Amino acid sequence: MARFRIAVFLGLVTPFTLVLIPVQWLSIQLDWPIARHLPVFYHRVVCALLRLKVTVNGSAAGGRPLLLLSNHSSWLDIVALSAVMPVSFIAKSEVATWPIFGLFAKLQRSVFIDRSRRMATREAHQAVAQRLKEGDAMVLFAEGTTSDGHRILEFRSSLVGAVGEVIGDEPSRIQPVAITYTRRTGLPIHRAERPCIAWYGDMELVPHFKGILLGGPIEVTISFCEPLAADVAQNRKIATRAAERAIRIRAADIIRGRIAA
């Protein structure tokens, strides 16, 4: 049964992916508007094949520029968030070299950050600021790495300053987003089960992927918190702490059932 499930998934997702890759690549080269929206369609299909049910709580800010700050525990976060709205990610430079994931990240027009260079932060600010000016919603996993699913790690403030470099008539927006895994096979996900969904540390991708694919259906809530006030957003350290606090509160409320997932 396990081999059958894997074969069905690969048999469906592989040709679908191979057809869309050149379309997305060409769309990026020619700067077609579909380059922003095709990844949404793709990830919605992948969610269906993975049996990942995405629920949206709240809504993304309508104005631009928009920087989304989010917690991060699994590669599933990218699939779920990308299925909700057109977004691009701010990722460490190593991601660009990863098999498959690196290609997908490039096709989603991610901005890659080289943390080993002293000028990396400045260059990252400029690259992110340019994309924000162009109207892209950029996602920063502000913990800088994935957590074990039990807790939200301390947010890093270095890249949040990119918003301050955006020049335009519209005010800059920073919006916290909480990603919370709530149920599996219809039952609440307990503390001991969260590491089975989280992908962190030295965990190998293939065994983790098999565990996701062969386990029960997963429910995840993408929760958009209120955008930060303009005066708060202008100070990257204050903005980072405010976003972290908002995400911690929202995630706890969803897990404890105070907000419907």
C-alpha atoms as a PDB file:
ATOM      1  CA  MET A   1       0.000   0.000   0.000  1.00  0.00           C
ATOM      2  CA  ALA A   2       2.841   2.398   0.835  1.00  0.00           C
ATOM      3  CA  ARG A   3       4.537   1.777  -2.494  1.00  0.00           C
ATOM      4  CA  PHE A   4       1.241   2.240  -4.301  1.00  0.00           C
ATOM      5  CA  ARG A   5       0.624   5.578  -2.559  1.00  0.00           C
ATOM      6  CA  ILE A   6       4.111   6.830  -3.444  1.00  0.00           C
ATOM      7  CA  ALA A   7       3.783   5.613  -7.037  1.00  0.00           C
ATOM      8  CA  VAL A   8       0.437   7.378  -7.478  1.00  0.00           C
ATOM      9  CA  PHE A   9       1.800  10.637  -6.084  1.00  0.00           C
ATOM     10  CA  LEU A  10       4.924  10.584  -8.244  1.00  0.00           C
ATOM     11  CA  GLY A  11       2.938   9.452 -11.272  1.00  0.00           C
ATOM     12  CA  LEU A  12       0.679  12.484 -10.963  1.00  0.00           C
ATOM     13  CA  VAL A  13       3.025  15.212  -9.736  1.00  0.00           C
ATOM     14  CA  THR A  14       6.003  14.453 -12.013  1.00  0.00           C
ATOM     15  CA  PRO A  15       4.393  15.061 -15.442  1.00  0.00           C
ATOM     16  CA  PHE A  16       2.417  17.983 -14.005  1.00  0.00           C
ATOM     17  CA  THR A  17       5.655  19.550 -12.762  1.00  0.00           C
ATOM     18  CA  LEU A  18       7.593  18.893 -15.952  1.00  0.00           C
ATOM     19  CA  VAL A  19       4.899  20.600 -18.018  1.00  0.00           C
ATOM     20  CA  LEU A  20       4.765  23.721 -15.829  1.00  0.00           C
ATOM     21  CA  ILE A  21       8.518  24.239 -15.321  1.00  0.00           C
ATOM     22  CA  PRO A  22       9.236  25.582 -18.844  1.00  0.00           C
ATOM     23  CA  VAL A  23       6.045  27.659 -18.767  1.00  0.00           C
ATOM     24  CA  GLN A  24       7.086  29.325 -15.516  1.00  0.00           C
ATOM     25  CA  TRP A  25      10.671  29.800 -16.707  1.00  0.00           C
ATOM     26  CA  LEU A  26       9.496  31.490 -19.897  1.00  0.00           C
ATOM     27  CA  SER A  27       7.038  33.649 -17.940  1.00  0.00           C
ATOM     28  CA  ILE A  28       9.865  34.909 -15.735  1.00  0.00           C
ATOM     29  CA  GLN A  29      12.140  35.625 -18.694  1.00  0.00           C
ATOM     30  CA  LEU A  30       9.434  37.583 -20.502  1.00  0.00           C
ATOM     31  CA  ASP A  31       8.110  39.204 -17.315  1.00  0.00           C
ATOM     32  CA  TRP A  32       4.591  37.912 -17.861  1.00  0.00           C
ATOM     33  CA  PRO A  33       2.104  38.524 -15.004  1.00  0.00           C
ATOM     34  CA  ILE A  34       1.372  34.782 -14.908  1.00  0.00           C
ATOM     35  CA  ALA A  35       4.823  34.265 -13.350  1.00  0.00           C
ATOM     36  CA  ARG A  36       3.355  35.429 -10.031  1.00  0.00           C
ATOM     37  CA  HIS A  37       0.184  33.368 -10.202  1.00  0.00           C
ATOM     38  CA  LEU A  38       1.271  30.055 -11.700  1.00  0.00           C
ATOM     39  CA  PRO A  39       3.016  28.950  -8.456  1.00  0.00           C
ATOM     40  CA  VAL A  40      -0.298  29.429  -6.596  1.00  0.00           C
ATOM     41  CA  PHE A  41      -2.044  27.033  -8.974  1.00  0.00           C
ATOM     42  CA  TYR A  42       0.822  24.566  -8.795  1.00  0.00           C
ATOM     43  CA  HIS A  43       0.959  24.487  -4.995  1.00  0.00           C
ATOM     44  CA  ARG A  44      -2.807  24.087  -4.689  1.00  0.00           C
ATOM     45  CA  VAL A  45      -2.566  20.942  -6.768  1.00  0.00           C
ATOM     46  CA  VAL A  46       0.388  19.720  -4.673  1.00  0.00           C
ATOM     47  CA  CYS A  47      -1.607  20.383  -1.490  1.00  0.00           C
ATOM     48  CA  ALA A  48      -4.409  18.218  -2.834  1.00  0.00           C
ATOM     49  CA  LEU A  49      -2.015  15.404  -3.714  1.00  0.00           C
ATOM     50  CA  LEU A  50      -0.351  15.584  -0.294  1.00  0.00           C
ATOM     51  CA  ARG A  51      -3.758  15.741   1.407  1.00  0.00           C
ATOM     52  CA  LEU A  52      -2.733  19.009   3.024  1.00  0.00           C
ATOM     53  CA  LYS A  53      -5.825  21.062   3.847  1.00  0.00           C
ATOM     54  CA  VAL A  54      -5.086  24.772   4.138  1.00  0.00           C
ATOM     55  CA  THR A  55      -7.382  27.061   6.118  1.00  0.00           C
ATOM     56  CA  VAL A  56      -6.914  30.826   5.967  1.00  0.00           C
ATOM     57  CA  ASN A  57      -7.583  32.979   9.016  1.00  0.00           C
ATOM     58  CA  GLY A  58      -7.745  36.720   8.368  1.00  0.00           C
ATOM     59  CA  SER A  59      -6.465  38.185   5.114  1.00  0.00           C
ATOM     60  CA  ALA A  60      -3.316  39.593   3.594  1.00  0.00           C
ATOM     61  CA  ALA A  61      -3.000  43.364   3.485  1.00  0.00           C
ATOM     62  CA  GLY A  62      -4.257  44.682   0.181  1.00  0.00           C
ATOM     63  CA  GLY A  63      -1.712  47.439  -0.305  1.00  0.00           C
ATOM     64  CA  ARG A  64       1.867  47.213  -1.427  1.00  0.00           C
ATOM     65  CA  PRO A  65       4.750  47.129  -0.632  1.00  0.00           C
ATOM     66  CA  LEU A  66       4.181  44.133   1.671  1.00  0.00           C
ATOM     67  CA  LEU A  67       6.679  42.115   3.697  1.00  0.00           C
ATOM     68  CA  LEU A  68       5.261  39.034   5.402  1.00  0.00           C
ATOM     69  CA  LEU A  69       7.079  37.809   8.521  1.00  0.00           C
ATOM     70  CA  SER A  70       6.347  34.192   9.384  1.00  0.00           C
ATOM     71  CA  ASN A  71       7.354  31.374  11.691  1.00  0.00           C
ATOM     72  CA  HIS A  72       8.873  28.286  10.052  1.00  0.00           C
ATOM     73  CA  SER A  73       8.947  24.595  10.985  1.00  0.00           C
ATOM     74  CA  SER A  74       8.725  22.576   7.753  1.00  0.00           C
ATOM     75  CA  TRP A  75       9.039  22.601   3.973  1.00  0.00           C
ATOM     76  CA  LEU A  76       5.271  22.209   4.080  1.00  0.00           C
ATOM     77  CA  ASP A  77       5.095  25.854   5.183  1.00  0.00           C
ATOM     78  CA  ILE A  78       6.219  26.912   1.709  1.00  0.00           C
ATOM     79  CA  VAL A  79       3.700  24.673  -0.024  1.00  0.00           C
ATOM     80  CA  ALA A  80       0.813  25.878   2.170  1.00  0.00           C
ATOM     81  CA  LEU A  81       1.625  29.585   2.031  1.00  0.00           C
ATOM     82  CA  SER A  82       2.284  29.503  -1.711  1.00  0.00           C
ATOM     83  CA  ALA A  83      -1.151  27.968  -2.243  1.00  0.00           C
ATOM     84  CA  VAL A  84      -2.825  30.936  -0.549  1.00  0.00           C
ATOM     85  CA  MET A  85      -1.492  33.908  -2.525  1.00  0.00           C
ATOM     86  CA  PRO A  86       1.278  34.988  -4.921  1.00  0.00           C
ATOM     87  CA  VAL A  87       4.455  35.279  -2.832  1.00  0.00           C
ATOM     88  CA  SER A  88       8.206  35.061  -3.234  1.00  0.00           C
ATOM     89  CA  PHE A  89      10.590  34.020  -0.478  1.00  0.00           C
ATOM     90  CA  ILE A  90      13.762  35.388   1.055  1.00  0.00           C
ATOM     91  CA  ALA A  91      16.033  32.349   1.394  1.00  0.00           C
ATOM     92  CA  LYS A  92      19.618  31.566   2.383  1.00  0.00           C
ATOM     93  CA  SER A  93      21.965  31.134  -0.572  1.00  0.00           C
ATOM     94  CA  GLU A  94      22.453  27.397   0.077  1.00  0.00           C
ATOM     95  CA  VAL A  95      18.840  26.769  -0.931  1.00  0.00           C
ATOM     96  CA  ALA A  96      19.674  27.718  -4.522  1.00  0.00           C
ATOM     97  CA  THR A  97      22.027  24.704  -4.734  1.00  0.00           C
ATOM     98  CA  TRP A  98      19.587  22.126  -3.316  1.00  0.00           C
ATOM     99  CA  PRO A  99      18.296  19.489  -5.756  1.00  0.00           C
ATOM    100  CA  ILE A 100      14.690  20.108  -6.818  1.00  0.00           C
ATOM    101  CA  PHE A 101      13.954  22.615  -4.014  1.00  0.00           C
ATOM    102  CA  GLY A 102      16.583  24.990  -5.379  1.00  0.00           C
ATOM    103  CA  LEU A 103      14.972  24.929  -8.814  1.00  0.00           C
ATOM    104  CA  PHE A 104      11.520  25.465  -7.347  1.00  0.00           C
ATOM    105  CA  ALA A 105      12.804  28.406  -5.287  1.00  0.00           C
ATOM    106  CA  LYS A 106      14.294  30.035  -8.383  1.00  0.00           C
ATOM    107  CA  LEU A 107      11.084  29.503 -10.343  1.00  0.00           C
ATOM    108  CA  GLN A 108       9.202  31.251  -7.546  1.00  0.00           C
ATOM    109  CA  ARG A 109      11.579  34.199  -7.926  1.00  0.00           C
ATOM    110  CA  SER A 110      13.117  33.867  -4.462  1.00  0.00           C
ATOM    111  CA  VAL A 111      15.802  36.286  -3.273  1.00  0.00           C
ATOM    112  CA  PHE A 112      18.873  34.382  -2.043  1.00  0.00           C
ATOM    113  CA  ILE A 113      20.981  35.747   0.795  1.00  0.00           C
ATOM    114  CA  ASP A 114      24.671  34.927   1.229  1.00  0.00           C
ATOM    115  CA  ARG A 115      25.192  35.146   4.986  1.00  0.00           C
ATOM    116  CA  SER A 116      28.939  34.457   4.750  1.00  0.00           C
ATOM    117  CA  ARG A 117      29.730  37.857   3.258  1.00  0.00           C
ATOM    118  CA  ARG A 118      29.934  41.076   5.239  1.00  0.00           C
ATOM    119  CA  MET A 119      28.058  43.007   2.569  1.00  0.00           C
ATOM    120  CA  ALA A 120      25.370  40.363   2.309  1.00  0.00           C
ATOM    121  CA  THR A 121      22.880  42.142   4.548  1.00  0.00           C
ATOM    122  CA  ARG A 122      23.189  45.406   2.612  1.00  0.00           C
ATOM    123  CA  GLU A 123      22.839  43.628  -0.717  1.00  0.00           C
ATOM    124  CA  ALA A 124      19.875  41.697   0.622  1.00  0.00           C
ATOM    125  CA  HIS A 125      18.179  44.933   1.677  1.00  0.00           C
ATOM    126  CA  GLN A 126      18.594  46.324  -1.813  1.00  0.00           C
ATOM    127  CA  ALA A 127      17.342  43.170  -3.544  1.00  0.00           C
ATOM    128  CA  VAL A 128      14.310  42.798  -1.283  1.00  0.00           C
ATOM    129  CA  ALA A 129      13.546  46.523  -1.452  1.00  0.00           C
ATOM    130  CA  GLN A 130      13.574  46.398  -5.251  1.00  0.00           C
ATOM    131  CA  ARG A 131      11.136  43.513  -5.325  1.00  0.00           C
ATOM    132  CA  LEU A 132       8.879  45.265  -2.833  1.00  0.00           C
ATOM    133  CA  LYS A 133       8.913  48.352  -5.022  1.00  0.00           C
ATOM    134  CA  GLU A 134       7.810  46.181  -7.937  1.00  0.00           C
ATOM    135  CA  GLY A 135       4.753  45.115  -5.966  1.00  0.00           C
ATOM    136  CA  ASP A 136       5.785  41.602  -4.936  1.00  0.00           C
ATOM    137  CA  ALA A 137       4.706  40.242  -1.562  1.00  0.00           C
ATOM    138  CA  MET A 138       7.916  38.910  -0.009  1.00  0.00           C
ATOM    139  CA  VAL A 139       8.012  36.291   2.747  1.00  0.00           C
ATOM    140  CA  LEU A 140      10.742  36.207   5.370  1.00  0.00           C
ATOM    141  CA  PHE A 141      10.923  33.250   7.732  1.00  0.00           C
ATOM    142  CA  ALA A 142      12.185  35.460  10.504  1.00  0.00           C
ATOM    143  CA  GLU A 143      13.565  32.699  12.741  1.00  0.00           C
ATOM    144  CA  GLY A 144      16.307  32.137  10.172  1.00  0.00           C
ATOM    145  CA  THR A 145      15.850  28.350  10.342  1.00  0.00           C
ATOM    146  CA  THR A 146      13.162  25.754  10.991  1.00  0.00           C
ATOM    147  CA  SER A 147      12.015  24.947  14.518  1.00  0.00           C
ATOM    148  CA  ASP A 148      11.093  21.538  15.926  1.00  0.00           C
ATOM    149  CA  GLY A 149       7.406  22.422  15.864  1.00  0.00           C
ATOM    150  CA  HIS A 150       7.176  22.729  19.652  1.00  0.00           C
ATOM    151  CA  ARG A 151       8.039  26.404  19.861  1.00  0.00           C
ATOM    152  CA  ILE A 152       8.661  29.556  17.851  1.00  0.00           C
ATOM    153  CA  LEU A 153      12.311  30.594  17.852  1.00  0.00           C
ATOM    154  CA  GLU A 154      13.494  34.158  18.392  1.00  0.00           C
ATOM    155  CA  PHE A 155      13.056  36.296  15.284  1.00  0.00           C
ATOM    156  CA  ARG A 156      16.040  37.988  13.602  1.00  0.00           C
ATOM    157  CA  SER A 157      15.744  41.626  12.662  1.00  0.00           C
ATOM    158  CA  SER A 158      18.496  42.149  10.075  1.00  0.00           C
ATOM    159  CA  LEU A 159      16.392  41.828   6.916  1.00  0.00           C
ATOM    160  CA  VAL A 160      13.310  43.642   8.183  1.00  0.00           C
ATOM    161  CA  GLY A 161      15.137  46.905   7.490  1.00  0.00           C
ATOM    162  CA  ALA A 162      14.614  46.325   3.772  1.00  0.00           C
ATOM    163  CA  VAL A 163      11.123  47.769   4.091  1.00  0.00           C
ATOM    164  CA  GLY A 164      12.610  51.073   5.194  1.00  0.00           C
ATOM    165  CA  GLU A 165      14.358  51.379   1.848  1.00  0.00           C
ATOM    166  CA  VAL A 166      11.144  51.303  -0.153  1.00  0.00           C
ATOM    167  CA  ILE A 167      10.342  54.702  -1.605  1.00  0.00           C
ATOM    168  CA  GLY A 168       6.883  55.463  -2.912  1.00  0.00           C
ATOM    169  CA  ASP A 169       3.502  57.035  -2.251  1.00  0.00           C
ATOM    170  CA  GLU A 170       2.146  53.991  -0.430  1.00  0.00           C
ATOM    171  CA  PRO A 171       3.283  53.347   3.156  1.00  0.00           C
ATOM    172  CA  SER A 172       5.425  50.284   3.779  1.00  0.00           C
ATOM    173  CA  ARG A 173       3.610  47.342   5.318  1.00  0.00           C
ATOM    174  CA  ILE A 174       4.881  44.568   7.544  1.00  0.00           C
ATOM    175  CA  GLN A 175       2.380  41.820   8.323  1.00  0.00           C
ATOM    176  CA  PRO A 176       2.956  38.872  10.678  1.00  0.00           C
ATOM    177  CA  VAL A 177       1.737  35.454   9.510  1.00  0.00           C
ATOM    178  CA  ALA A 178       1.332  32.452  11.832  1.00  0.00           C
ATOM    179  CA  ILE A 179       1.572  28.970  10.323  1.00  0.00           C
ATOM    180  CA  THR A 180      -0.010  26.396  12.640  1.00  0.00           C
ATOM    181  CA  TYR A 181      -0.527  22.675  12.078  1.00  0.00           C
ATOM    182  CA  THR A 182      -3.732  21.762  13.871  1.00  0.00           C
ATOM    183  CA  ARG A 183      -5.020  18.302  12.935  1.00  0.00           C
ATOM    184  CA  ARG A 184      -3.950  15.027  11.360  1.00  0.00           C
ATOM    185  CA  THR A 185      -6.448  12.399  10.255  1.00  0.00           C
ATOM    186  CA  GLY A 186      -9.121  14.606  11.807  1.00  0.00           C
ATOM    187  CA  LEU A 187      -7.587  14.558  15.303  1.00  0.00           C
ATOM    188  CA  PRO A 188      -5.760  17.384  17.106  1.00  0.00           C
ATOM    189  CA  ILE A 189      -1.982  17.284  16.685  1.00  0.00           C
ATOM    190  CA  HIS A 190      -0.372  16.865  20.103  1.00  0.00           C
ATOM    191  CA  ARG A 191       3.071  17.946  21.227  1.00  0.00           C
ATOM    192  CA  ALA A 192       4.653  14.534  20.614  1.00  0.00           C
ATOM    193  CA  GLU A 193       3.399  14.508  17.002  1.00  0.00           C
ATOM    194  CA  ARG A 194       4.638  17.944  15.930  1.00  0.00           C
ATOM    195  CA  PRO A 195       8.225  16.852  15.175  1.00  0.00           C
ATOM    196  CA  CYS A 196       6.771  14.375  12.672  1.00  0.00           C
ATOM    197  CA  ILE A 197       5.574  17.362  10.627  1.00  0.00           C
ATOM    198  CA  ALA A 198       8.484  19.693  11.378  1.00  0.00           C
ATOM    199  CA  TRP A 199      11.623  19.341   9.252  1.00  0.00           C
ATOM    200  CA  TYR A 200      14.609  20.637  11.179  1.00  0.00           C
ATOM    201  CA  GLY A 201      18.203  20.001  12.205  1.00  0.00           C
ATOM    202  CA  ASP A 202      19.856  17.160  10.302  1.00  0.00           C
ATOM    203  CA  MET A 203      16.647  15.400   9.295  1.00  0.00           C
ATOM    204  CA  GLU A 204      16.863  13.814   5.860  1.00  0.00           C
ATOM    205  CA  LEU A 205      14.299  14.981   3.351  1.00  0.00           C
ATOM    206  CA  VAL A 206      13.297  11.689   1.710  1.00  0.00           C
ATOM    207  CA  PRO A 207      12.302   9.820   4.908  1.00  0.00           C
ATOM    208  CA  HIS A 208      10.475  12.920   6.157  1.00  0.00           C
ATOM    209  CA  PHE A 209       8.641  13.289   2.857  1.00  0.00           C
ATOM    210  CA  LYS A 210       7.596   9.626   2.974  1.00  0.00           C
ATOM    211  CA  GLY A 211       6.281  10.129   6.489  1.00  0.00           C
ATOM    212  CA  ILE A 212       4.179  13.069   5.329  1.00  0.00           C
ATOM    213  CA  LEU A 213       2.901  11.268   2.255  1.00  0.00           C
ATOM    214  CA  LEU A 214       2.075   7.983   3.973  1.00  0.00           C
ATOM    215  CA  GLY A 215       0.628   9.491   7.160  1.00  0.00           C
ATOM    216  CA  GLY A 216      -2.882  10.816   7.561  1.00  0.00           C
ATOM    217  CA  PRO A 217      -4.213  14.054   6.016  1.00  0.00           C
ATOM    218  CA  ILE A 218      -2.825  17.201   7.640  1.00  0.00           C
ATOM    219  CA  GLU A 219      -4.678  20.430   8.395  1.00  0.00           C
ATOM    220  CA  VAL A 220      -2.775  23.709   8.600  1.00  0.00           C
ATOM    221  CA  THR A 221      -3.970  27.227   9.324  1.00  0.00           C
ATOM    222  CA  ILE A 222      -2.366  30.244   7.648  1.00  0.00           C
ATOM    223  CA  SER A 223      -3.285  33.110   9.940  1.00  0.00           C
ATOM    224  CA  PHE A 224      -2.756  36.714   8.860  1.00  0.00           C
ATOM    225  CA  CYS A 225      -2.332  38.999  11.861  1.00  0.00           C
ATOM    226  CA  GLU A 226      -2.980  42.732  11.718  1.00  0.00           C
ATOM    227  CA  PRO A 227      -0.265  44.654   9.823  1.00  0.00           C
ATOM    228  CA  LEU A 228       2.097  46.520  12.110  1.00  0.00           C
ATOM    229  CA  ALA A 229       1.419  50.188  12.728  1.00  0.00           C
ATOM    230  CA  ALA A 230       3.421  52.528  10.496  1.00  0.00           C
ATOM    231  CA  ASP A 231       5.504  53.942  13.355  1.00  0.00           C
ATOM    232  CA  VAL A 232       6.376  50.439  14.588  1.00  0.00           C
ATOM    233  CA  ALA A 233       7.286  49.239  11.094  1.00  0.00           C
ATOM    234  CA  GLN A 234       9.888  51.983  10.705  1.00  0.00           C
ATOM    235  CA  ASN A 235      12.120  50.491  13.418  1.00  0.00           C
ATOM    236  CA  ARG A 236      13.294  47.030  12.362  1.00  0.00           C
ATOM    237  CA  LYS A 237      14.078  45.783  15.863  1.00  0.00           C
ATOM    238  CA  ILE A 238      10.776  46.953  17.321  1.00  0.00           C
ATOM    239  CA  ALA A 239       8.928  45.631  14.266  1.00  0.00           C
ATOM    240  CA  THR A 240      10.610  42.228  14.564  1.00  0.00           C
ATOM    241  CA  ARG A 241       9.726  41.870  18.240  1.00  0.00           C
ATOM    242  CA  ALA A 242       6.150  43.019  17.606  1.00  0.00           C
ATOM    243  CA  ALA A 243       5.716  40.510  14.764  1.00  0.00           C
ATOM    244  CA  GLU A 244       7.166  37.688  16.847  1.00  0.00           C
ATOM    245  CA  ARG A 245       4.828  38.495  19.725  1.00  0.00           C
ATOM    246  CA  ALA A 246       1.776  38.649  17.443  1.00  0.00           C
ATOM    247  CA  ILE A 247       2.611  35.276  15.865  1.00  0.00           C
ATOM    248  CA  ARG A 248       3.195  33.600  19.232  1.00  0.00           C
ATOM    249  CA  ILE A 249      -0.173  34.819  20.512  1.00  0.00           C
ATOM    250  CA  ARG A 250      -2.046  33.879  17.328  1.00  0.00           C
ATOM    251  CA  ALA A 251      -0.489  30.412  17.109  1.00  0.00           C
ATOM    252  CA  ALA A 252      -1.291  29.719  20.766  1.00  0.00           C
ATOM    253  CA  ASP A 253      -4.881  30.883  20.292  1.00  0.00           C
ATOM    254  CA  ILE A 254      -5.362  28.572  17.309  1.00  0.00           C
ATOM    255  CA  ILE A 255      -3.797  25.543  19.018  1.00  0.00           C
ATOM    256  CA  ARG A 256      -5.916  26.067  22.132  1.00  0.00           C
ATOM    257  CA  GLY A 257      -9.080  26.582  20.123  1.00  0.00           C
ATOM    258  CA  ARG A 258      -9.653  30.222  21.088  1.00  0.00           C
ATOM    259  CA  ILE A 259      -9.677  31.020  17.363  1.00  0.00           C
ATOM    260  CA  ALA A 260     -11.319  28.662  14.881  1.00  0.00           C
ATOM    261  CA  ALA A 261      -8.761  26.843  12.739  1.00  0.00           C
END
